[in-house]
């Protein structure tokens, strides 16, 4: 990458003293090397390009990669994710590629993927292409003969180690962890959080465990060890099923929440499925396409309020996926056009809750009572915010 490609901060490298002598031997005619050899403390090298390990190297790689994809290969950048790009051929998407620091993940038609690989090698040199069975950021990705894609972290989980508690006289489950135990707790919780890429349960566990920081008690160490064992025994990979026809499909949203107390925050979560629209039952053949289990963003003063917050968050995510699926079918649409799509033109969305108060308040919004006034206000606020975002000319 040349300096002329992008503006970058100057970066100088101070060399060990004997390096100047070596450079002078390699290029005897270079007078600067000889001067630097005599006074090494006065000289340094200015870098002309990004080098691995420098803090701006990932940024410059990303800028260069985006320039190649968009300006040279005519890929379209997704309006939903700035790290996602589409190759459109004869009105349809033939390649989807994402950028992850200095790595990529792509899917599409084989001829288009081979073409992309060749074009990238012209500009970046030899590049390894792993297909159908490979590891990506600690996740084992594979595709079977039915074209189902599996994301599995069993091997990653197997490398997570339980916390070893130091046994000392007088310590009980209510005792604070020592410094080493706190470090081990943070490490294990972070590891479990990474499993949350493919496991909704792991995501919820990590969020709950984080609420016990900065100094967890010994009973919390036991809890996270038990959670790790539960993951080891019951982990199920995330599978994206193939064969859905969006004309006969829908999005199915399921939300839930637990009210917090003075010791921990409320936890809220949702599961979003892409499902066949079976008129005889709630769902047909389906695939999990999104999920979240985390601390609620707002304080809830009742179970109903906590359930409402979880539902609002789930619906917000589901609407995001609705327009994203619309983008995949119409990749040339602008973000404003997608925001203003008629709701009936999007994939149908059905939301489920086990909270009767929430259900009644949604079905009878004109009849609020003393127990659901705050719920009505929260839902109307969420609806108003989404409506304002989709208004033509809104900021």
Protein backbone atom coordinates (compact mmCIF):
# COMPACT_ATOMS: atom_id res chain seq x y z
CA UNK A 1 0.00 0.00 0.00
CA UNK A 2 1.50 3.32 -1.03
CA UNK A 3 1.46 6.47 1.05
CA UNK A 4 -0.56 8.14 -1.70
CA UNK A 5 -3.47 5.72 -1.25
CA UNK A 6 -4.69 7.13 2.07
CA UNK A 7 -3.70 9.79 4.53
CA UNK A 8 -2.12 8.14 7.54
CA UNK A 9 -0.27 9.33 10.59
CA UNK A 10 3.55 9.45 10.24
CA UNK A 11 5.25 6.48 11.83
CA UNK A 12 8.99 6.27 12.63
CA UNK A 13 11.07 3.30 13.67
CA UNK A 14 14.13 3.64 15.89
CA UNK A 15 16.60 0.89 14.93
CA UNK A 16 19.12 -0.96 17.12
CA UNK A 17 22.61 0.56 16.78
CA UNK A 18 24.19 -2.30 14.80
CA UNK A 19 21.43 -2.28 12.15
CA UNK A 20 22.75 0.96 10.63
CA UNK A 21 26.13 -0.70 10.17
CA UNK A 22 24.48 -3.63 8.36
CA UNK A 23 22.52 -1.27 6.12
CA UNK A 24 25.71 0.63 5.31
CA UNK A 25 27.40 -2.61 4.26
CA UNK A 26 24.44 -3.51 2.03
CA UNK A 27 24.43 -0.07 0.38
CA UNK A 28 27.97 1.38 0.63
CA UNK A 29 27.05 4.34 -1.60
CA UNK A 30 24.33 5.54 0.78
CA UNK A 31 25.93 8.37 2.78
CA UNK A 32 22.98 8.66 5.18
CA UNK A 33 23.54 5.13 6.41
CA UNK A 34 27.16 5.98 7.18
CA UNK A 35 26.13 9.12 9.10
CA UNK A 36 23.52 7.17 11.03
CA UNK A 37 26.07 4.47 11.81
CA UNK A 38 28.30 7.09 13.50
CA UNK A 39 25.41 8.83 15.36
CA UNK A 40 22.59 6.25 15.66
CA UNK A 41 20.79 8.20 18.38
CA UNK A 42 20.08 11.02 15.90
CA UNK A 43 18.44 8.92 13.16
CA UNK A 44 15.32 6.84 12.61
CA UNK A 45 13.41 5.34 9.67
CA UNK A 46 10.05 6.64 8.47
CA UNK A 47 7.73 3.82 7.38
CA UNK A 48 6.23 4.12 3.90
CA UNK A 49 3.46 1.57 4.40
CA UNK A 50 1.45 -0.12 7.10
CA UNK A 51 3.25 -2.94 8.89
CA UNK A 52 1.68 -5.80 10.82
CA UNK A 53 1.47 -4.91 14.49
CA UNK A 54 1.10 -1.15 14.07
CA UNK A 55 -2.13 0.26 15.46
CA UNK A 56 -3.26 1.75 12.14
CA UNK A 57 -2.44 -1.34 10.05
CA UNK A 58 -5.96 -2.89 10.38
CA UNK A 59 -7.56 0.43 9.40
CA UNK A 60 -5.37 0.83 6.32
CA UNK A 61 -6.03 -2.77 5.29
CA UNK A 62 -9.77 -2.19 5.64
CA UNK A 63 -9.67 1.05 3.64
CA UNK A 64 -7.68 -0.62 0.88
CA UNK A 65 -9.96 -3.67 0.80
CA UNK A 66 -13.07 -1.48 0.60
CA UNK A 67 -11.50 0.55 -2.20
CA UNK A 68 -10.80 -2.64 -4.18
CA UNK A 69 -14.25 -4.14 -3.64
CA UNK A 70 -16.32 -1.01 -4.28
CA UNK A 71 -14.30 1.09 -6.72
CA UNK A 72 -12.46 -1.59 -8.70
CA UNK A 73 -14.73 -4.66 -8.55
CA UNK A 74 -18.07 -2.78 -8.39
CA UNK A 75 -19.34 -4.48 -5.24
CA UNK A 76 -22.22 -2.83 -3.37
CA UNK A 77 -21.85 -1.97 0.30
CA UNK A 78 -24.69 -3.13 2.52
CA UNK A 79 -26.81 -0.44 4.13
CA UNK A 80 -27.25 -2.70 7.18
CA UNK A 81 -23.58 -3.53 7.84
CA UNK A 82 -20.67 -1.45 6.57
CA UNK A 83 -18.42 -4.55 6.63
CA UNK A 84 -20.68 -6.49 4.23
CA UNK A 85 -20.56 -6.30 0.42
CA UNK A 86 -22.61 -7.76 -2.46
CA UNK A 87 -21.68 -8.71 -6.00
CA UNK A 88 -24.74 -8.27 -8.21
CA UNK A 89 -24.97 -10.03 -11.58
CA UNK A 90 -28.01 -9.82 -13.84
CA UNK A 91 -30.12 -8.41 -11.02
CA UNK A 92 -29.30 -11.05 -8.39
CA UNK A 93 -26.74 -11.34 -5.61
CA UNK A 94 -24.05 -13.87 -6.58
CA UNK A 95 -21.51 -13.17 -3.81
CA UNK A 96 -21.78 -11.88 -0.25
CA UNK A 97 -18.45 -11.08 1.43
CA UNK A 98 -17.67 -9.62 4.84
CA UNK A 99 -14.45 -8.08 6.17
CA UNK A 100 -13.12 -9.07 9.60
CA UNK A 101 -9.95 -7.09 10.39
CA UNK A 102 -7.48 -8.86 8.04
CA UNK A 103 -9.75 -11.80 7.19
CA UNK A 104 -12.83 -12.36 5.05
CA UNK A 105 -15.85 -14.65 4.96
CA UNK A 106 -17.75 -15.15 1.70
CA UNK A 107 -20.57 -17.19 0.21
CA UNK A 108 -22.15 -17.29 -3.22
CA UNK A 109 -22.06 -19.00 -6.57
CA UNK A 110 -18.85 -20.93 -7.24
CA UNK A 111 -17.90 -19.15 -10.47
CA UNK A 112 -18.31 -15.76 -8.81
CA UNK A 113 -16.30 -16.81 -5.76
CA UNK A 114 -13.48 -18.10 -7.97
CA UNK A 115 -13.50 -14.83 -9.89
CA UNK A 116 -13.33 -12.84 -6.64
CA UNK A 117 -10.40 -14.93 -5.42
CA UNK A 118 -8.44 -14.30 -8.62
CA UNK A 119 -9.13 -10.55 -8.53
CA UNK A 120 -8.04 -10.27 -4.89
CA UNK A 121 -4.84 -12.20 -5.58
CA UNK A 122 -3.98 -9.77 -8.38
CA UNK A 123 -4.01 -6.94 -5.85
CA UNK A 124 -2.90 -8.55 -2.59
CA UNK A 125 -0.77 -11.53 -3.65
CA UNK A 126 -1.34 -15.20 -2.86
CA UNK A 127 -4.39 -15.78 -0.67
CA UNK A 128 -5.56 -19.03 0.91
CA UNK A 129 -9.18 -19.97 0.18
CA UNK A 130 -10.77 -22.42 2.61
CA UNK A 131 -14.07 -23.93 1.50
CA UNK A 132 -16.94 -25.86 3.11
CA UNK A 133 -14.98 -26.96 6.18
CA UNK A 134 -12.72 -24.48 8.01
CA UNK A 135 -12.18 -22.50 11.20
CA UNK A 136 -12.99 -18.80 11.35
CA UNK A 137 -12.22 -16.83 14.53
CA UNK A 138 -12.49 -19.92 16.73
CA UNK A 139 -15.70 -21.10 15.05
CA UNK A 140 -15.68 -24.30 13.00
CA UNK A 141 -17.79 -23.70 9.89
CA UNK A 142 -18.97 -26.50 7.63
CA UNK A 143 -21.54 -27.11 4.91
CA UNK A 144 -23.20 -30.46 4.20
CA UNK A 145 -24.59 -31.91 0.97
CA UNK A 146 -27.97 -30.27 1.65
CA UNK A 147 -26.17 -26.88 1.72
CA UNK A 148 -27.01 -26.39 5.41
CA UNK A 149 -24.28 -24.30 7.09
CA UNK A 150 -23.16 -25.25 10.60
CA UNK A 151 -21.25 -23.02 13.02
CA UNK A 152 -19.75 -25.05 15.86
CA UNK A 153 -17.64 -24.05 18.90
CA UNK A 154 -17.25 -27.42 20.62
CA UNK A 155 -13.48 -27.38 20.12
CA UNK A 156 -13.31 -23.84 21.50
CA UNK A 157 -15.38 -24.80 24.56
CA UNK A 158 -13.11 -27.81 25.20
CA UNK A 159 -10.19 -25.39 25.71
CA UNK A 160 -11.98 -23.35 28.39
CA UNK A 161 -10.75 -24.21 31.88
CA UNK A 162 -12.80 -24.10 35.11
CA UNK A 163 -11.63 -21.82 37.92
CA UNK A 164 -9.57 -23.42 40.65
CA UNK A 165 -10.62 -22.11 44.08
CA UNK A 166 -7.94 -21.63 46.68
CA UNK A 167 -8.84 -23.51 49.84
CA UNK A 168 -8.15 -21.52 53.01
CA UNK A 169 -9.55 -21.85 56.49
CA UNK A 170 -12.41 -19.47 57.15
CA UNK A 171 -13.41 -18.96 53.49
CA UNK A 172 -17.08 -19.57 52.69
CA UNK A 173 -19.18 -19.28 49.54
CA UNK A 174 -19.93 -15.69 50.61
CA UNK A 175 -16.23 -14.76 50.77
CA UNK A 176 -14.75 -12.46 48.12
CA UNK A 177 -12.49 -13.92 45.46
CA UNK A 178 -8.78 -13.16 45.62
CA UNK A 179 -6.94 -11.30 42.85
CA UNK A 180 -6.01 -14.44 40.89
CA UNK A 181 -9.53 -15.82 41.12
CA UNK A 182 -10.98 -12.53 39.86
CA UNK A 183 -8.63 -12.68 36.88
CA UNK A 184 -9.60 -16.28 36.17
CA UNK A 185 -13.30 -15.39 36.54
CA UNK A 186 -13.00 -12.56 34.02
CA UNK A 187 -11.14 -14.83 31.60
CA UNK A 188 -13.69 -17.64 31.79
CA UNK A 189 -16.67 -15.28 31.48
CA UNK A 190 -15.07 -13.68 28.42
CA UNK A 191 -14.54 -17.14 26.93
CA UNK A 192 -18.17 -18.08 27.53
CA UNK A 193 -19.26 -14.74 26.03
CA UNK A 194 -17.41 -15.68 22.82
CA UNK A 195 -19.43 -18.92 22.68
CA UNK A 196 -22.42 -16.56 22.55
CA UNK A 197 -21.68 -16.22 18.83
CA UNK A 198 -23.44 -19.54 18.30
CA UNK A 199 -25.23 -20.20 21.60
CA UNK A 200 -28.04 -18.04 23.05
CA UNK A 201 -27.57 -19.76 26.40
CA UNK A 202 -23.88 -18.89 26.56
CA UNK A 203 -24.70 -15.28 25.77
CA UNK A 204 -27.20 -15.11 28.63
CA UNK A 205 -24.82 -16.85 31.05
CA UNK A 206 -21.99 -14.43 30.29
CA UNK A 207 -24.27 -11.43 30.76
CA UNK A 208 -25.46 -12.72 34.13
CA UNK A 209 -21.93 -13.55 35.32
CA UNK A 210 -20.67 -10.10 34.34
CA UNK A 211 -23.15 -8.58 36.78
CA UNK A 212 -21.13 -10.11 39.67
CA UNK A 213 -18.01 -8.13 38.84
CA UNK A 214 -15.78 -6.39 39.88
CA UNK A 215 -15.28 -8.80 42.83
CA UNK A 216 -17.30 -12.00 42.54
CA UNK A 217 -17.89 -14.14 45.60
CA UNK A 218 -16.76 -17.74 45.77
CA UNK A 219 -20.31 -18.93 45.08
CA UNK A 220 -20.17 -17.04 41.77
CA UNK A 221 -17.02 -18.96 40.85
CA UNK A 222 -18.96 -22.16 41.49
CA UNK A 223 -21.80 -20.83 39.33
CA UNK A 224 -19.59 -20.06 36.33
CA UNK A 225 -17.85 -23.44 36.66
CA UNK A 226 -21.25 -25.14 36.64
CA UNK A 227 -22.27 -23.06 33.62
CA UNK A 228 -19.13 -24.15 31.78
CA UNK A 229 -19.90 -27.81 32.51
CA UNK A 230 -23.45 -27.25 31.28
CA UNK A 231 -22.06 -25.87 28.01
CA UNK A 232 -19.70 -28.83 27.65
CA UNK A 233 -22.53 -31.34 28.21
CA UNK A 234 -25.36 -29.65 26.33
CA UNK A 235 -23.88 -27.44 23.61
CA UNK A 236 -25.67 -27.61 20.26
CA UNK A 237 -24.09 -26.01 17.14
CA UNK A 238 -25.90 -23.24 15.28
CA UNK A 239 -27.27 -24.46 11.95
CA UNK A 240 -28.58 -22.28 9.13
CA UNK A 241 -30.97 -24.44 7.14
CA UNK A 242 -31.10 -24.24 3.38
CA UNK A 243 -34.18 -24.37 1.18
CA UNK A 244 -36.40 -21.58 2.49
CA UNK A 245 -38.67 -19.91 -0.03
CA UNK A 246 -39.27 -16.38 1.26
CA UNK A 247 -42.62 -16.28 -0.52
CA UNK A 248 -43.90 -18.92 1.89
CA UNK A 249 -41.91 -17.99 5.00
CA UNK A 250 -42.19 -15.71 8.00
CA UNK A 251 -40.14 -14.44 10.93
CA UNK A 252 -41.08 -15.87 14.32
CA UNK A 253 -39.98 -13.90 17.39
CA UNK A 254 -39.94 -15.25 20.93
CA UNK A 255 -39.01 -12.99 23.85
CA UNK A 256 -38.63 -13.40 27.61
CA UNK A 257 -37.22 -11.54 30.58
CA UNK A 258 -36.47 -11.92 34.28
CA UNK A 259 -36.92 -8.99 36.64
CA UNK A 260 -33.78 -7.94 38.45
CA UNK A 261 -33.38 -6.99 42.09
CA UNK A 262 -30.88 -4.99 44.11
CA UNK A 263 -28.17 -7.57 43.41
CA UNK A 264 -28.39 -7.80 39.63
CA UNK A 265 -29.93 -6.14 36.60
CA UNK A 266 -32.95 -7.44 34.72
CA UNK A 267 -32.06 -9.90 32.00
CA UNK A 268 -33.90 -9.79 28.69
CA UNK A 269 -33.62 -11.83 25.55
CA UNK A 270 -35.16 -12.97 22.30
CA UNK A 271 -34.91 -15.70 19.67
CA UNK A 272 -35.71 -14.92 16.04
CA UNK A 273 -36.46 -17.76 13.63
CA UNK A 274 -36.94 -17.90 9.89
CA UNK A 275 -39.83 -20.31 9.53
CA UNK A 276 -42.05 -21.87 6.92
CA UNK A 277 -45.49 -20.29 7.18
CA UNK A 278 -47.60 -23.30 8.15
CA UNK A 279 -51.28 -22.29 8.51
CA UNK A 280 -52.04 -25.31 10.74
CA UNK A 281 -49.48 -24.58 13.46
CA UNK A 282 -47.33 -21.82 14.89
CA UNK A 283 -44.26 -22.75 12.87
CA UNK A 284 -43.09 -25.21 10.29
CA UNK A 285 -39.53 -26.01 9.24
CA UNK A 286 -37.42 -23.24 10.78
CA UNK A 287 -33.92 -21.91 11.38
CA UNK A 288 -32.56 -19.69 14.14
CA UNK A 289 -31.29 -16.48 12.49
CA UNK A 290 -30.71 -14.17 15.44
CA UNK A 291 -30.75 -14.03 19.22
CA UNK A 292 -29.78 -11.99 22.25
CA UNK A 293 -29.57 -12.57 25.98
CA UNK A 294 -28.21 -9.64 27.96
CA UNK A 295 -28.72 -7.07 30.68
CA UNK A 296 -31.72 -4.84 29.97
CA UNK A 297 -30.79 -1.39 28.74
CA UNK A 298 -33.39 0.29 30.95
CA UNK A 299 -34.52 -0.15 34.54
CA UNK A 300 -37.75 -2.14 34.89
CA UNK A 301 -39.99 -1.69 37.94
CA UNK A 302 -42.11 -4.79 37.34
CA UNK A 303 -42.05 -8.14 35.57
CA UNK A 304 -44.47 -6.77 32.97
CA UNK A 305 -42.19 -3.82 32.29
CA UNK A 306 -39.18 -6.13 31.92
CA UNK A 307 -41.12 -8.32 29.48
CA UNK A 308 -42.14 -5.24 27.49
CA UNK A 309 -38.55 -4.05 27.22
CA UNK A 310 -37.49 -7.48 25.93
CA UNK A 311 -40.32 -7.48 23.38
CA UNK A 312 -39.47 -3.96 22.17
CA UNK A 313 -35.83 -4.95 21.73
CA UNK A 314 -36.77 -8.16 19.92
CA UNK A 315 -39.19 -6.40 17.56
CA UNK A 316 -36.56 -3.76 16.78
CA UNK A 317 -34.08 -6.48 15.80
CA UNK A 318 -36.73 -8.39 13.80
CA UNK A 319 -37.62 -5.27 11.80
CA UNK A 320 -33.91 -4.85 11.07
CA UNK A 321 -33.79 -8.41 9.71
CA UNK A 322 -36.97 -7.80 7.69
CA UNK A 323 -35.37 -4.95 5.77
CA UNK A 324 -32.07 -6.85 5.51
CA UNK A 325 -33.84 -9.74 3.76
CA UNK A 326 -35.47 -7.16 1.49
CA UNK A 327 -32.00 -5.79 0.72
CA UNK A 328 -30.75 -9.23 -0.29
CA UNK A 329 -33.55 -9.43 -2.85
CA UNK A 330 -33.13 -5.79 -3.94
CA UNK A 331 -29.46 -4.90 -3.26
CA UNK A 332 -29.54 -1.69 -5.30
CA UNK A 333 -32.12 -0.04 -3.01
CA UNK A 334 -30.92 2.85 -0.88
CA UNK A 335 -31.27 2.90 2.90
CA UNK A 336 -34.04 5.50 2.64
CA UNK A 337 -35.98 3.35 0.19
CA UNK A 338 -35.70 0.35 2.50
CA UNK A 339 -36.81 2.40 5.51
CA UNK A 340 -39.93 3.46 3.60
CA UNK A 341 -40.93 0.04 2.27
CA UNK A 342 -44.61 -0.73 2.89
CA UNK A 343 -44.87 -3.13 5.81
CA UNK A 344 -46.94 -5.62 3.80
CA UNK A 345 -44.09 -5.94 1.29
CA UNK A 346 -41.76 -7.26 4.01
CA UNK A 347 -41.55 -10.80 5.32
CA UNK A 348 -44.39 -11.33 7.85
CA UNK A 349 -43.42 -11.15 11.52
CA UNK A 350 -45.15 -12.95 14.40
CA UNK A 351 -44.13 -12.26 18.00
CA UNK A 352 -44.75 -14.56 20.98
CA UNK A 353 -44.69 -13.88 24.73
CA UNK A 354 -45.56 -15.84 27.86
CA UNK A 355 -46.52 -12.62 29.70
CA UNK A 356 -50.32 -12.31 29.75
CA UNK A 357 -50.19 -8.65 30.87
CA UNK A 358 -48.09 -7.78 27.85
CA UNK A 359 -50.39 -9.73 25.53
CA UNK A 360 -53.51 -8.05 26.91
CA UNK A 361 -51.96 -4.61 26.67
CA UNK A 362 -51.00 -5.16 23.03
CA UNK A 363 -54.43 -6.54 22.13
CA UNK A 364 -56.36 -3.85 24.05
CA UNK A 365 -54.21 -0.71 23.96
CA UNK A 366 -57.26 1.55 24.37
CA UNK A 367 -58.03 0.10 27.81
CA UNK A 368 -54.98 0.77 30.01
CA UNK A 369 -55.25 0.15 33.74
CA UNK A 370 -53.13 0.93 36.76
CA UNK A 371 -50.92 -2.13 36.21
CA UNK A 372 -50.04 -1.48 32.58
CA UNK A 373 -49.90 2.29 32.19
CA UNK A 374 -46.09 2.28 32.13
CA UNK A 375 -46.13 -0.60 29.63
CA UNK A 376 -48.40 1.38 27.31
CA UNK A 377 -46.09 4.37 27.54
CA UNK A 378 -43.00 2.26 26.79
CA UNK A 379 -44.60 0.60 23.76
CA UNK A 380 -45.92 3.87 22.37
CA UNK A 381 -42.48 5.44 22.82
CA UNK A 382 -40.87 2.58 20.89
CA UNK A 383 -43.46 2.79 18.11
CA UNK A 384 -43.05 6.57 17.89
CA UNK A 385 -39.26 6.26 17.64
CA UNK A 386 -39.48 3.72 14.80
CA UNK A 387 -42.08 5.77 12.98
CA UNK A 388 -39.92 8.90 13.23
CA UNK A 389 -36.91 7.02 11.85
CA UNK A 390 -38.89 5.91 8.80
CA UNK A 391 -40.49 9.31 8.06
CA UNK A 392 -39.35 10.80 4.73
CA UNK A 393 -36.98 13.67 5.38
CA UNK A 394 -36.33 12.69 9.00
CA UNK A 395 -32.79 13.02 10.32
